Amino acid sequence: MKNIKEISIRTAYAFLGVAILAFGAATLRVGKVGLDPYTAANIGIGKSLGLSLGVYQLIVNCIILVLVFLFGRKYIGIGTVVNMVLTGFFIDFYTWVYETFIPFEITRFIQVLLLLIGVIVFTFGASLYMSAELGNAPYDAIAPIIVDRTHGSYKIVRISQDVFFVLLAFIFSGPVGIGTVINAFLTGPLIDFWNKKVSLPLIKKSTKV
């Protein structure tokens, strides 16, 4: 049973993780190298409906949350709410900051740099909030639920899920690029790496009584 202090620390890590992953996604967006599959799909579909990323992503998250509640409610917690409500709006905010205060010419070198920074930051942020163990974002809960029921490989299930959303993003003209493809195949493995090497040890040490 987690005490109030531990829950507070874990909540702070969950919030920080969401803020970090949103910055990574915004970096990919500004670099025009393609966003993570889920965000790319949501931008494409949301734009076709005349909705901002923040608004559309919140609607989709609520729908997926119902399914998560039915099939894997153990993955729902404070972290779920923090992620599903704030991620889209954070990405919109960081994009505005980039475009307003940090103008730069998008050269090939800058794109490669933003791609590397975006992927690394995005996966680290995702790992940090998930390692807080206060609930997953609805999208991130899909793979673990499938793994629980099929006993399959998390990496394979997550890659399959991401590839499906890459196809959705492509169909609805979302910002698909090399960053989207890289995220589709490396998000699972990189999150797994960050979990083992940084996030879980860091949170364990911070909450140790």
N, C-alpha and C. Protein backbone atom coordinates (compact mmCIF):
# COMPACT_ATOMS: atom_id res chain seq x y z
N MET A 1 0.85 -1.20 0.00
CA MET A 1 0.00 0.00 0.00
C MET A 1 0.89 1.25 0.00
N LYS A 2 0.72 2.10 -0.99
CA LYS A 2 1.55 3.30 -1.08
C LYS A 2 1.03 4.36 -0.12
N ASN A 3 1.97 5.04 0.60
CA ASN A 3 1.56 6.11 1.49
C ASN A 3 1.43 7.41 0.72
N ILE A 4 0.93 8.45 1.38
CA ILE A 4 0.67 9.72 0.71
C ILE A 4 1.95 10.32 0.13
N LYS A 5 3.05 10.24 0.87
CA LYS A 5 4.31 10.80 0.39
C LYS A 5 4.76 10.11 -0.90
N GLU A 6 4.67 8.78 -0.91
CA GLU A 6 5.10 8.03 -2.09
C GLU A 6 4.21 8.34 -3.29
N ILE A 7 2.91 8.42 -3.05
CA ILE A 7 1.98 8.74 -4.13
C ILE A 7 2.27 10.13 -4.69
N SER A 8 2.59 11.07 -3.78
CA SER A 8 2.89 12.44 -4.22
C SER A 8 4.13 12.47 -5.10
N ILE A 9 5.16 11.71 -4.69
CA ILE A 9 6.40 11.65 -5.47
C ILE A 9 6.15 11.01 -6.82
N ARG A 10 5.40 9.92 -6.82
CA ARG A 10 5.10 9.23 -8.07
C ARG A 10 4.24 10.10 -9.00
N THR A 11 3.32 10.86 -8.42
CA THR A 11 2.48 11.76 -9.21
C THR A 11 3.33 12.84 -9.87
N ALA A 12 4.31 13.35 -9.11
CA ALA A 12 5.22 14.37 -9.66
C ALA A 12 6.01 13.79 -10.84
N TYR A 13 6.47 12.54 -10.70
CA TYR A 13 7.21 11.90 -11.79
C TYR A 13 6.30 11.67 -12.99
N ALA A 14 5.04 11.30 -12.74
CA ALA A 14 4.09 11.07 -13.84
C ALA A 14 3.86 12.38 -14.60
N PHE A 15 3.66 13.47 -13.86
CA PHE A 15 3.44 14.78 -14.47
C PHE A 15 4.68 15.21 -15.26
N LEU A 16 5.87 15.02 -14.67
CA LEU A 16 7.12 15.38 -15.34
C LEU A 16 7.30 14.55 -16.60
N GLY A 17 6.98 13.26 -16.51
CA GLY A 17 7.11 12.39 -17.67
C GLY A 17 6.24 12.84 -18.83
N VAL A 18 5.00 13.22 -18.53
CA VAL A 18 4.07 13.69 -19.56
C VAL A 18 4.59 14.98 -20.19
N ALA A 19 5.10 15.89 -19.35
CA ALA A 19 5.64 17.16 -19.85
C ALA A 19 6.83 16.90 -20.76
N ILE A 20 7.67 15.92 -20.40
CA ILE A 20 8.86 15.60 -21.20
C ILE A 20 8.48 14.94 -22.52
N LEU A 21 7.58 13.96 -22.47
CA LEU A 21 7.21 13.28 -23.72
C LEU A 21 6.51 14.23 -24.69
N ALA A 22 5.73 15.17 -24.14
CA ALA A 22 5.06 16.16 -24.99
C ALA A 22 6.08 17.07 -25.66
N PHE A 23 7.14 17.41 -24.94
CA PHE A 23 8.21 18.23 -25.53
C PHE A 23 8.89 17.47 -26.66
N GLY A 24 9.10 16.16 -26.45
CA GLY A 24 9.71 15.34 -27.49
C GLY A 24 8.83 15.29 -28.74
N ALA A 25 7.51 15.14 -28.53
CA ALA A 25 6.58 15.09 -29.65
C ALA A 25 6.55 16.44 -30.39
N ALA A 26 6.57 17.54 -29.63
CA ALA A 26 6.56 18.87 -30.25
C ALA A 26 7.84 19.10 -31.05
N THR A 27 8.95 18.57 -30.55
CA THR A 27 10.23 18.70 -31.25
C THR A 27 10.17 18.00 -32.60
N LEU A 28 9.58 16.82 -32.63
CA LEU A 28 9.40 16.10 -33.89
C LEU A 28 8.45 16.86 -34.82
N ARG A 29 7.43 17.44 -34.23
CA ARG A 29 6.43 18.18 -35.02
C ARG A 29 7.05 19.40 -35.69
N VAL A 30 7.83 20.16 -34.93
CA VAL A 30 8.47 21.37 -35.46
C VAL A 30 9.54 21.02 -36.49
N GLY A 31 10.22 19.89 -36.27
CA GLY A 31 11.26 19.48 -37.21
C GLY A 31 10.71 18.92 -38.51
N LYS A 32 9.38 18.73 -38.54
CA LYS A 32 8.71 18.20 -39.73
C LYS A 32 9.30 16.87 -40.17
N VAL A 33 9.59 16.02 -39.19
CA VAL A 33 10.13 14.69 -39.50
C VAL A 33 9.12 13.60 -39.16
N GLY A 34 7.91 14.00 -38.77
CA GLY A 34 6.88 13.03 -38.43
C GLY A 34 6.83 12.81 -36.93
N LEU A 35 5.62 12.76 -36.39
CA LEU A 35 5.45 12.56 -34.96
C LEU A 35 5.27 11.08 -34.65
N ASP A 36 5.12 10.77 -33.35
CA ASP A 36 4.83 9.41 -32.95
C ASP A 36 3.51 8.99 -33.60
N PRO A 37 3.30 7.71 -33.85
CA PRO A 37 2.12 7.24 -34.59
C PRO A 37 0.78 7.73 -34.04
N TYR A 38 0.60 7.67 -32.73
CA TYR A 38 -0.68 8.06 -32.13
C TYR A 38 -0.96 9.54 -32.34
N THR A 39 0.03 10.39 -32.06
CA THR A 39 -0.15 11.83 -32.23
C THR A 39 -0.34 12.19 -33.69
N ALA A 40 0.44 11.54 -34.58
CA ALA A 40 0.32 11.82 -36.01
C ALA A 40 -1.09 11.49 -36.51
N ALA A 41 -1.61 10.35 -36.07
CA ALA A 41 -2.96 9.95 -36.48
C ALA A 41 -4.00 10.93 -35.95
N ASN A 42 -3.82 11.34 -34.70
CA ASN A 42 -4.78 12.26 -34.09
C ASN A 42 -4.76 13.64 -34.75
N ILE A 43 -3.57 14.11 -35.12
CA ILE A 43 -3.48 15.40 -35.81
C ILE A 43 -4.20 15.32 -37.17
N GLY A 44 -3.96 14.23 -37.90
CA GLY A 44 -4.58 14.07 -39.21
C GLY A 44 -6.10 13.97 -39.13
N ILE A 45 -6.59 13.10 -38.25
CA ILE A 45 -8.04 12.92 -38.12
C ILE A 45 -8.69 14.17 -37.53
N GLY A 46 -8.03 14.75 -36.50
CA GLY A 46 -8.57 15.96 -35.87
C GLY A 46 -8.68 17.11 -36.87
N LYS A 47 -7.67 17.27 -37.71
CA LYS A 47 -7.69 18.34 -38.71
C LYS A 47 -8.83 18.14 -39.70
N SER A 48 -9.08 16.88 -40.07
CA SER A 48 -10.17 16.60 -41.02
C SER A 48 -11.53 16.90 -40.41
N LEU A 49 -11.59 16.92 -39.08
CA LEU A 49 -12.83 17.23 -38.37
C LEU A 49 -12.89 18.68 -37.89
N GLY A 50 -11.81 19.43 -38.15
CA GLY A 50 -11.77 20.83 -37.74
C GLY A 50 -11.50 21.00 -36.25
N LEU A 51 -10.81 20.04 -35.63
CA LEU A 51 -10.53 20.11 -34.19
C LEU A 51 -9.02 20.22 -33.95
N SER A 52 -8.65 20.89 -32.86
CA SER A 52 -7.23 20.99 -32.50
C SER A 52 -6.78 19.64 -31.96
N LEU A 53 -5.46 19.44 -31.91
CA LEU A 53 -4.92 18.19 -31.39
C LEU A 53 -5.38 17.95 -29.96
N GLY A 54 -5.29 19.00 -29.13
CA GLY A 54 -5.66 18.84 -27.72
C GLY A 54 -7.09 18.37 -27.54
N VAL A 55 -8.01 18.97 -28.26
CA VAL A 55 -9.44 18.63 -28.13
C VAL A 55 -9.72 17.24 -28.68
N TYR A 56 -9.24 16.97 -29.90
CA TYR A 56 -9.53 15.67 -30.52
C TYR A 56 -8.90 14.52 -29.72
N GLN A 57 -7.64 14.71 -29.29
CA GLN A 57 -6.95 13.65 -28.56
C GLN A 57 -7.64 13.36 -27.24
N LEU A 58 -8.18 14.38 -26.61
CA LEU A 58 -8.91 14.18 -25.35
C LEU A 58 -10.16 13.33 -25.60
N ILE A 59 -10.86 13.60 -26.70
CA ILE A 59 -12.07 12.84 -27.04
C ILE A 59 -11.72 11.36 -27.28
N VAL A 60 -10.68 11.13 -28.09
CA VAL A 60 -10.27 9.75 -28.39
C VAL A 60 -9.81 9.03 -27.14
N ASN A 61 -9.06 9.73 -26.29
CA ASN A 61 -8.58 9.13 -25.05
C ASN A 61 -9.75 8.69 -24.17
N CYS A 62 -10.80 9.48 -24.13
CA CYS A 62 -11.97 9.13 -23.32
C CYS A 62 -12.63 7.86 -23.85
N ILE A 63 -12.68 7.73 -25.17
CA ILE A 63 -13.27 6.53 -25.79
C ILE A 63 -12.43 5.29 -25.47
N ILE A 64 -11.11 5.41 -25.65
CA ILE A 64 -10.22 4.27 -25.36
C ILE A 64 -10.25 3.94 -23.87
N LEU A 65 -10.40 4.98 -23.04
CA LEU A 65 -10.42 4.77 -21.59
C LEU A 65 -11.57 3.86 -21.19
N VAL A 66 -12.70 3.99 -21.86
CA VAL A 66 -13.85 3.13 -21.56
C VAL A 66 -13.47 1.67 -21.81
N LEU A 67 -12.77 1.41 -22.91
CA LEU A 67 -12.34 0.05 -23.24
C LEU A 67 -11.31 -0.46 -22.23
N VAL A 68 -10.41 0.42 -21.82
CA VAL A 68 -9.40 0.05 -20.82
C VAL A 68 -10.09 -0.29 -19.50
N PHE A 69 -11.11 0.48 -19.14
CA PHE A 69 -11.85 0.23 -17.90
C PHE A 69 -12.51 -1.15 -17.94
N LEU A 70 -12.99 -1.54 -19.11
CA LEU A 70 -13.69 -2.82 -19.25
C LEU A 70 -12.74 -4.01 -19.25
N PHE A 71 -11.56 -3.83 -19.86
CA PHE A 71 -10.66 -4.97 -20.05
C PHE A 71 -9.35 -4.92 -19.25
N GLY A 72 -9.01 -3.77 -18.69
CA GLY A 72 -7.75 -3.69 -17.94
C GLY A 72 -7.72 -2.53 -16.98
N ARG A 73 -8.72 -2.48 -16.10
CA ARG A 73 -8.85 -1.31 -15.22
C ARG A 73 -7.67 -1.11 -14.28
N LYS A 74 -6.83 -2.16 -14.10
CA LYS A 74 -5.67 -2.00 -13.22
C LYS A 74 -4.66 -0.99 -13.79
N TYR A 75 -4.80 -0.68 -15.07
CA TYR A 75 -3.89 0.28 -15.71
C TYR A 75 -4.40 1.72 -15.61
N ILE A 76 -5.51 1.90 -14.94
CA ILE A 76 -6.08 3.24 -14.79
C ILE A 76 -5.69 3.82 -13.43
N GLY A 77 -5.23 5.07 -13.42
CA GLY A 77 -4.86 5.72 -12.17
C GLY A 77 -4.68 7.21 -12.40
N ILE A 78 -4.05 7.88 -11.45
CA ILE A 78 -3.80 9.32 -11.57
C ILE A 78 -3.00 9.63 -12.82
N GLY A 79 -2.02 8.77 -13.11
CA GLY A 79 -1.18 8.97 -14.30
C GLY A 79 -1.99 8.93 -15.58
N THR A 80 -3.03 8.13 -15.59
CA THR A 80 -3.89 8.04 -16.76
C THR A 80 -4.55 9.38 -17.05
N VAL A 81 -5.11 9.97 -16.00
CA VAL A 81 -5.79 11.26 -16.13
C VAL A 81 -4.82 12.36 -16.55
N VAL A 82 -3.66 12.39 -15.90
CA VAL A 82 -2.65 13.40 -16.21
C VAL A 82 -2.26 13.33 -17.69
N ASN A 83 -2.02 12.10 -18.16
CA ASN A 83 -1.58 11.94 -19.55
C ASN A 83 -2.68 12.25 -20.55
N MET A 84 -3.86 11.68 -20.36
CA MET A 84 -4.91 11.83 -21.36
C MET A 84 -5.44 13.25 -21.47
N VAL A 85 -5.37 14.00 -20.36
CA VAL A 85 -5.88 15.37 -20.38
C VAL A 85 -4.83 16.37 -20.87
N LEU A 86 -3.58 16.17 -20.46
CA LEU A 86 -2.57 17.20 -20.69
C LEU A 86 -1.68 17.03 -21.93
N THR A 87 -1.46 15.80 -22.38
CA THR A 87 -0.48 15.59 -23.45
C THR A 87 -0.74 16.42 -24.70
N GLY A 88 -1.94 16.35 -25.25
CA GLY A 88 -2.25 17.10 -26.47
C GLY A 88 -2.08 18.59 -26.31
N PHE A 89 -2.53 19.12 -25.17
CA PHE A 89 -2.42 20.55 -24.93
C PHE A 89 -0.96 20.96 -24.70
N PHE A 90 -0.18 20.10 -24.04
CA PHE A 90 1.24 20.36 -23.85
C PHE A 90 1.95 20.44 -25.21
N ILE A 91 1.62 19.51 -26.10
CA ILE A 91 2.25 19.50 -27.42
C ILE A 91 1.91 20.78 -28.18
N ASP A 92 0.65 21.19 -28.12
CA ASP A 92 0.24 22.45 -28.76
C ASP A 92 1.01 23.62 -28.17
N PHE A 93 1.18 23.62 -26.83
CA PHE A 93 1.89 24.72 -26.15
C PHE A 93 3.36 24.76 -26.55
N TYR A 94 4.03 23.61 -26.49
CA TYR A 94 5.46 23.57 -26.85
C TYR A 94 5.68 23.96 -28.31
N THR A 95 4.76 23.54 -29.18
CA THR A 95 4.86 23.91 -30.59
C THR A 95 4.78 25.42 -30.75
N TRP A 96 3.87 26.04 -29.99
CA TRP A 96 3.72 27.51 -30.02
C TRP A 96 5.00 28.18 -29.52
N VAL A 97 5.60 27.64 -28.46
CA VAL A 97 6.84 28.21 -27.92
C VAL A 97 7.96 28.13 -28.95
N TYR A 98 8.09 26.97 -29.59
CA TYR A 98 9.10 26.79 -30.64
C TYR A 98 8.91 27.83 -31.75
N GLU A 99 7.70 27.90 -32.27
CA GLU A 99 7.44 28.75 -33.43
C GLU A 99 7.47 30.24 -33.10
N THR A 100 7.21 30.59 -31.83
CA THR A 100 7.17 32.00 -31.43
C THR A 100 8.51 32.53 -30.95
N PHE A 101 9.21 31.73 -30.16
CA PHE A 101 10.43 32.22 -29.51
C PHE A 101 11.72 31.59 -30.00
N ILE A 102 11.62 30.46 -30.74
CA ILE A 102 12.85 29.80 -31.19
C ILE A 102 12.76 29.54 -32.69
N PRO A 103 12.68 30.62 -33.48
CA PRO A 103 12.59 30.44 -34.93
C PRO A 103 13.93 29.99 -35.50
N PHE A 104 13.90 29.02 -36.39
CA PHE A 104 15.13 28.59 -37.06
C PHE A 104 14.78 28.01 -38.42
N GLU A 105 15.77 28.00 -39.29
CA GLU A 105 15.57 27.46 -40.63
C GLU A 105 15.66 25.94 -40.58
N ILE A 106 14.70 25.26 -41.18
CA ILE A 106 14.68 23.80 -41.15
C ILE A 106 15.61 23.25 -42.24
N THR A 107 16.87 23.09 -41.88
CA THR A 107 17.83 22.48 -42.81
C THR A 107 17.86 20.97 -42.55
N ARG A 108 18.55 20.25 -43.42
CA ARG A 108 18.66 18.79 -43.25
C ARG A 108 19.33 18.45 -41.92
N PHE A 109 20.38 19.21 -41.57
CA PHE A 109 21.08 18.96 -40.32
C PHE A 109 20.16 19.19 -39.12
N ILE A 110 19.40 20.29 -39.16
CA ILE A 110 18.47 20.61 -38.07
C ILE A 110 17.41 19.52 -37.94
N GLN A 111 16.93 19.01 -39.07
CA GLN A 111 15.93 17.95 -39.04
C GLN A 111 16.47 16.69 -38.37
N VAL A 112 17.70 16.32 -38.73
CA VAL A 112 18.31 15.13 -38.13
C VAL A 112 18.49 15.33 -36.63
N LEU A 113 18.94 16.54 -36.24
CA LEU A 113 19.14 16.86 -34.83
C LEU A 113 17.83 16.79 -34.06
N LEU A 114 16.78 17.42 -34.61
CA LEU A 114 15.47 17.42 -33.94
C LEU A 114 14.87 16.01 -33.91
N LEU A 115 15.15 15.21 -34.93
CA LEU A 115 14.67 13.84 -34.95
C LEU A 115 15.27 13.03 -33.80
N LEU A 116 16.59 13.13 -33.65
CA LEU A 116 17.27 12.40 -32.58
C LEU A 116 16.80 12.86 -31.20
N ILE A 117 16.75 14.18 -31.02
CA ILE A 117 16.32 14.74 -29.73
C ILE A 117 14.86 14.34 -29.45
N GLY A 118 14.01 14.46 -30.46
CA GLY A 118 12.60 14.17 -30.29
C GLY A 118 12.33 12.73 -29.88
N VAL A 119 12.95 11.78 -30.56
CA VAL A 119 12.73 10.36 -30.28
C VAL A 119 13.25 10.01 -28.88
N ILE A 120 14.45 10.48 -28.56
CA ILE A 120 15.05 10.18 -27.25
C ILE A 120 14.22 10.78 -26.12
N VAL A 121 13.84 12.05 -26.27
CA VAL A 121 13.07 12.73 -25.23
C VAL A 121 11.68 12.13 -25.09
N PHE A 122 11.02 11.85 -26.22
CA PHE A 122 9.68 11.29 -26.18
C PHE A 122 9.64 9.95 -25.45
N THR A 123 10.56 9.04 -25.81
CA THR A 123 10.54 7.71 -25.19
C THR A 123 10.94 7.76 -23.72
N PHE A 124 11.85 8.69 -23.38
CA PHE A 124 12.23 8.82 -21.96
C PHE A 124 11.05 9.33 -21.14
N GLY A 125 10.35 10.33 -21.67
CA GLY A 125 9.19 10.86 -20.96
C GLY A 125 8.11 9.80 -20.77
N ALA A 126 7.88 9.00 -21.83
CA ALA A 126 6.88 7.93 -21.75
C ALA A 126 7.28 6.92 -20.69
N SER A 127 8.55 6.58 -20.66
CA SER A 127 9.06 5.63 -19.67
C SER A 127 8.90 6.17 -18.25
N LEU A 128 9.19 7.45 -18.07
CA LEU A 128 9.14 8.05 -16.74
C LEU A 128 7.72 8.04 -16.17
N TYR A 129 6.75 8.44 -16.97
CA TYR A 129 5.39 8.48 -16.45
C TYR A 129 4.83 7.08 -16.25
N MET A 130 5.20 6.13 -17.12
CA MET A 130 4.72 4.76 -16.97
C MET A 130 5.36 4.09 -15.75
N SER A 131 6.62 4.41 -15.50
CA SER A 131 7.34 3.81 -14.37
C SER A 131 6.84 4.33 -13.03
N ALA A 132 6.11 5.45 -13.06
CA ALA A 132 5.52 5.96 -11.82
C ALA A 132 4.45 5.02 -11.30
N GLU A 133 3.97 4.13 -12.19
CA GLU A 133 3.00 3.09 -11.84
C GLU A 133 1.73 3.65 -11.20
N LEU A 134 1.25 4.75 -11.78
CA LEU A 134 -0.01 5.35 -11.31
C LEU A 134 -1.05 5.33 -12.43
N GLY A 135 -0.86 4.39 -13.36
CA GLY A 135 -1.80 4.28 -14.46
C GLY A 135 -1.18 4.71 -15.77
N ASN A 136 -1.55 4.04 -16.84
CA ASN A 136 -1.04 4.36 -18.17
C ASN A 136 -2.02 5.22 -18.93
N ALA A 137 -1.52 5.94 -19.91
CA ALA A 137 -2.41 6.65 -20.82
C ALA A 137 -3.24 5.59 -21.54
N PRO A 138 -4.46 5.91 -21.94
CA PRO A 138 -5.30 4.92 -22.62
C PRO A 138 -4.57 4.22 -23.76
N TYR A 139 -3.86 4.98 -24.60
CA TYR A 139 -3.15 4.38 -25.74
C TYR A 139 -2.06 3.42 -25.26
N ASP A 140 -1.32 3.83 -24.24
CA ASP A 140 -0.22 3.00 -23.75
C ASP A 140 -0.70 1.78 -22.98
N ALA A 141 -1.97 1.77 -22.60
CA ALA A 141 -2.52 0.62 -21.86
C ALA A 141 -2.95 -0.50 -22.80
N ILE A 142 -3.12 -0.18 -24.08
CA ILE A 142 -3.61 -1.18 -25.04
C ILE A 142 -2.66 -2.38 -25.13
N ALA A 143 -1.37 -2.12 -25.34
CA ALA A 143 -0.40 -3.22 -25.49
C ALA A 143 -0.32 -4.09 -24.24
N PRO A 144 -0.17 -3.51 -23.03
CA PRO A 144 -0.11 -4.35 -21.84
C PRO A 144 -1.36 -5.22 -21.64
N ILE A 145 -2.52 -4.68 -21.97
CA ILE A 145 -3.77 -5.44 -21.84
C ILE A 145 -3.75 -6.64 -22.78
N ILE A 146 -3.32 -6.41 -24.03
CA ILE A 146 -3.24 -7.50 -25.00
C ILE A 146 -2.23 -8.55 -24.54
N VAL A 147 -1.09 -8.08 -24.01
CA VAL A 147 -0.06 -9.00 -23.52
C VAL A 147 -0.59 -9.83 -22.36
N ASP A 148 -1.33 -9.20 -21.45
CA ASP A 148 -1.92 -9.92 -20.30
C ASP A 148 -2.83 -11.05 -20.75
N ARG A 149 -3.55 -10.82 -21.85
CA ARG A 149 -4.54 -11.79 -22.30
C ARG A 149 -3.97 -12.82 -23.28
N THR A 150 -2.87 -12.48 -23.95
CA THR A 150 -2.31 -13.40 -24.94
C THR A 150 -0.95 -13.97 -24.53
N HIS A 151 -0.32 -13.33 -23.51
CA HIS A 151 1.03 -13.72 -23.06
C HIS A 151 2.05 -13.57 -24.19
N GLY A 152 1.76 -12.62 -25.08
CA GLY A 152 2.69 -12.36 -26.16
C GLY A 152 3.82 -11.43 -25.74
N SER A 153 4.67 -11.05 -26.68
CA SER A 153 5.79 -10.15 -26.42
C SER A 153 5.31 -8.70 -26.44
N TYR A 154 5.67 -7.93 -25.40
CA TYR A 154 5.26 -6.53 -25.35
C TYR A 154 5.81 -5.77 -26.55
N LYS A 155 7.08 -6.01 -26.88
CA LYS A 155 7.71 -5.28 -27.99
C LYS A 155 6.96 -5.52 -29.30
N ILE A 156 6.61 -6.79 -29.56
CA ILE A 156 5.92 -7.12 -30.81
C ILE A 156 4.53 -6.52 -30.85
N VAL A 157 3.80 -6.63 -29.73
CA VAL A 157 2.44 -6.08 -29.67
C VAL A 157 2.47 -4.57 -29.83
N ARG A 158 3.41 -3.90 -29.16
CA ARG A 158 3.49 -2.44 -29.23
C ARG A 158 3.86 -2.00 -30.65
N ILE A 159 4.78 -2.69 -31.29
CA ILE A 159 5.16 -2.34 -32.65
C ILE A 159 3.96 -2.50 -33.59
N SER A 160 3.21 -3.60 -33.44
CA SER A 160 2.03 -3.84 -34.28
C SER A 160 1.00 -2.74 -34.09
N GLN A 161 0.79 -2.34 -32.84
CA GLN A 161 -0.15 -1.27 -32.52
C GLN A 161 0.29 0.04 -33.15
N ASP A 162 1.55 0.36 -33.03
CA ASP A 162 2.06 1.62 -33.58
C ASP A 162 2.00 1.64 -35.11
N VAL A 163 2.29 0.50 -35.73
CA VAL A 163 2.23 0.42 -37.19
C VAL A 163 0.79 0.67 -37.67
N PHE A 164 -0.19 0.15 -36.95
CA PHE A 164 -1.60 0.37 -37.30
C PHE A 164 -1.93 1.86 -37.29
N PHE A 165 -1.43 2.57 -36.28
CA PHE A 165 -1.72 4.00 -36.19
C PHE A 165 -0.91 4.81 -37.21
N VAL A 166 0.23 4.28 -37.65
CA VAL A 166 0.97 4.92 -38.73
C VAL A 166 0.12 4.89 -40.00
N LEU A 167 -0.53 3.76 -40.24
CA LEU A 167 -1.41 3.63 -41.41
C LEU A 167 -2.57 4.61 -41.32
N LEU A 168 -3.16 4.76 -40.12
CA LEU A 168 -4.24 5.72 -39.93
C LEU A 168 -3.75 7.14 -40.22
N ALA A 169 -2.57 7.47 -39.71
CA ALA A 169 -2.01 8.80 -39.92
C ALA A 169 -1.78 9.05 -41.41
N PHE A 170 -1.30 8.04 -42.11
CA PHE A 170 -1.04 8.17 -43.55
C PHE A 170 -2.35 8.38 -44.30
N ILE A 171 -3.38 7.62 -43.95
CA ILE A 171 -4.68 7.71 -44.63
C ILE A 171 -5.31 9.10 -44.44
N PHE A 172 -5.14 9.68 -43.24
CA PHE A 172 -5.76 10.97 -42.94
C PHE A 172 -4.79 12.14 -43.07
N SER A 173 -3.69 11.91 -43.79
CA SER A 173 -2.71 12.98 -44.08
C SER A 173 -2.13 13.61 -42.81
N GLY A 174 -1.89 12.79 -41.81
CA GLY A 174 -1.23 13.29 -40.60
C GLY A 174 0.25 13.48 -40.87
N PRO A 175 0.98 14.13 -39.96
CA PRO A 175 2.41 14.40 -40.16
C PRO A 175 3.26 13.14 -40.05
N VAL A 176 3.22 12.32 -41.09
CA VAL A 176 4.00 11.08 -41.12
C VAL A 176 5.36 11.36 -41.74
N GLY A 177 6.40 10.84 -41.14
CA GLY A 177 7.75 11.04 -41.66
C GLY A 177 8.66 9.97 -41.10
N ILE A 178 9.95 10.16 -41.28
CA ILE A 178 10.92 9.18 -40.79
C ILE A 178 10.81 9.03 -39.27
N GLY A 179 10.46 10.14 -38.58
CA GLY A 179 10.30 10.08 -37.13
C GLY A 179 9.15 9.18 -36.73
N THR A 180 8.09 9.16 -37.53
CA THR A 180 6.94 8.30 -37.26
C THR A 180 7.34 6.83 -37.38
N VAL A 181 8.06 6.53 -38.45
CA VAL A 181 8.49 5.15 -38.69
C VAL A 181 9.45 4.69 -37.59
N ILE A 182 10.40 5.55 -37.23
CA ILE A 182 11.35 5.21 -36.18
C ILE A 182 10.62 4.97 -34.86
N ASN A 183 9.67 5.85 -34.54
CA ASN A 183 8.91 5.68 -33.31
C ASN A 183 8.10 4.38 -33.34
N ALA A 184 7.53 4.06 -34.50
CA ALA A 184 6.71 2.86 -34.60
C ALA A 184 7.50 1.60 -34.25
N PHE A 185 8.77 1.56 -34.66
CA PHE A 185 9.57 0.36 -34.44
C PHE A 185 10.48 0.43 -33.21
N LEU A 186 10.73 1.64 -32.70
CA LEU A 186 11.68 1.76 -31.59
C LEU A 186 11.06 2.21 -30.27
N THR A 187 9.81 2.69 -30.29
CA THR A 187 9.19 3.18 -29.05
C THR A 187 9.20 2.10 -27.97
N GLY A 188 8.70 0.90 -28.31
CA GLY A 188 8.65 -0.19 -27.33
C GLY A 188 10.03 -0.54 -26.79
N PRO A 189 11.00 -0.85 -27.67
CA PRO A 189 12.34 -1.19 -27.20
C PRO A 189 13.01 -0.07 -26.40
N LEU A 190 12.84 1.18 -26.83
CA LEU A 190 13.48 2.29 -26.12
C LEU A 190 12.84 2.53 -24.76
N ILE A 191 11.51 2.43 -24.69
CA ILE A 191 10.83 2.58 -23.40
C ILE A 191 11.31 1.48 -22.46
N ASP A 192 11.45 0.27 -22.97
CA ASP A 192 11.94 -0.86 -22.18
C ASP A 192 13.35 -0.57 -21.67
N PHE A 193 14.19 0.02 -22.53
CA PHE A 193 15.56 0.37 -22.14
C PHE A 193 15.56 1.42 -21.03
N TRP A 194 14.78 2.52 -21.23
CA TRP A 194 14.72 3.58 -20.22
C TRP A 194 14.16 3.05 -18.89
N ASN A 195 13.17 2.17 -18.97
CA ASN A 195 12.58 1.60 -17.76
C ASN A 195 13.64 0.93 -16.90
N LYS A 196 14.43 0.07 -17.54
CA LYS A 196 15.41 -0.73 -16.82
C LYS A 196 16.62 0.07 -16.36
N LYS A 197 17.07 1.00 -17.20
CA LYS A 197 18.33 1.70 -16.91
C LYS A 197 18.16 3.00 -16.12
N VAL A 198 17.01 3.66 -16.25
CA VAL A 198 16.87 4.97 -15.61
C VAL A 198 15.60 5.12 -14.77
N SER A 199 14.45 5.01 -15.39
CA SER A 199 13.20 5.39 -14.74
C SER A 199 12.87 4.58 -13.49
N LEU A 200 12.83 3.25 -13.63
CA LEU A 200 12.48 2.42 -12.47
C LEU A 200 13.49 2.56 -11.32
N PRO A 201 14.82 2.52 -11.59
CA PRO A 201 15.78 2.71 -10.51
C PRO A 201 15.65 4.09 -9.86
N LEU A 202 15.41 5.13 -10.67
CA LEU A 202 15.29 6.50 -10.15
C LEU A 202 14.08 6.63 -9.24
N ILE A 203 12.95 6.13 -9.67
CA ILE A 203 11.72 6.24 -8.88
C ILE A 203 11.81 5.37 -7.63
N LYS A 204 12.41 4.20 -7.77
CA LYS A 204 12.57 3.32 -6.62
C LYS A 204 13.43 3.98 -5.55
N LYS A 205 14.50 4.64 -5.99
CA LYS A 205 15.40 5.33 -5.06
C LYS A 205 14.69 6.53 -4.43
N SER A 206 13.89 7.25 -5.19
CA SER A 206 13.20 8.44 -4.69
C SER A 206 12.11 8.11 -3.68
N THR A 207 11.50 6.92 -3.82
CA THR A 207 10.38 6.56 -2.94
C THR A 207 10.82 5.62 -1.82
N LYS A 208 12.12 5.32 -1.77
CA LYS A 208 12.63 4.43 -0.73
C LYS A 208 12.53 5.09 0.63
N VAL A 209 11.92 4.40 1.56
CA VAL A 209 11.74 4.94 2.92
C VAL A 209 12.94 4.62 3.78
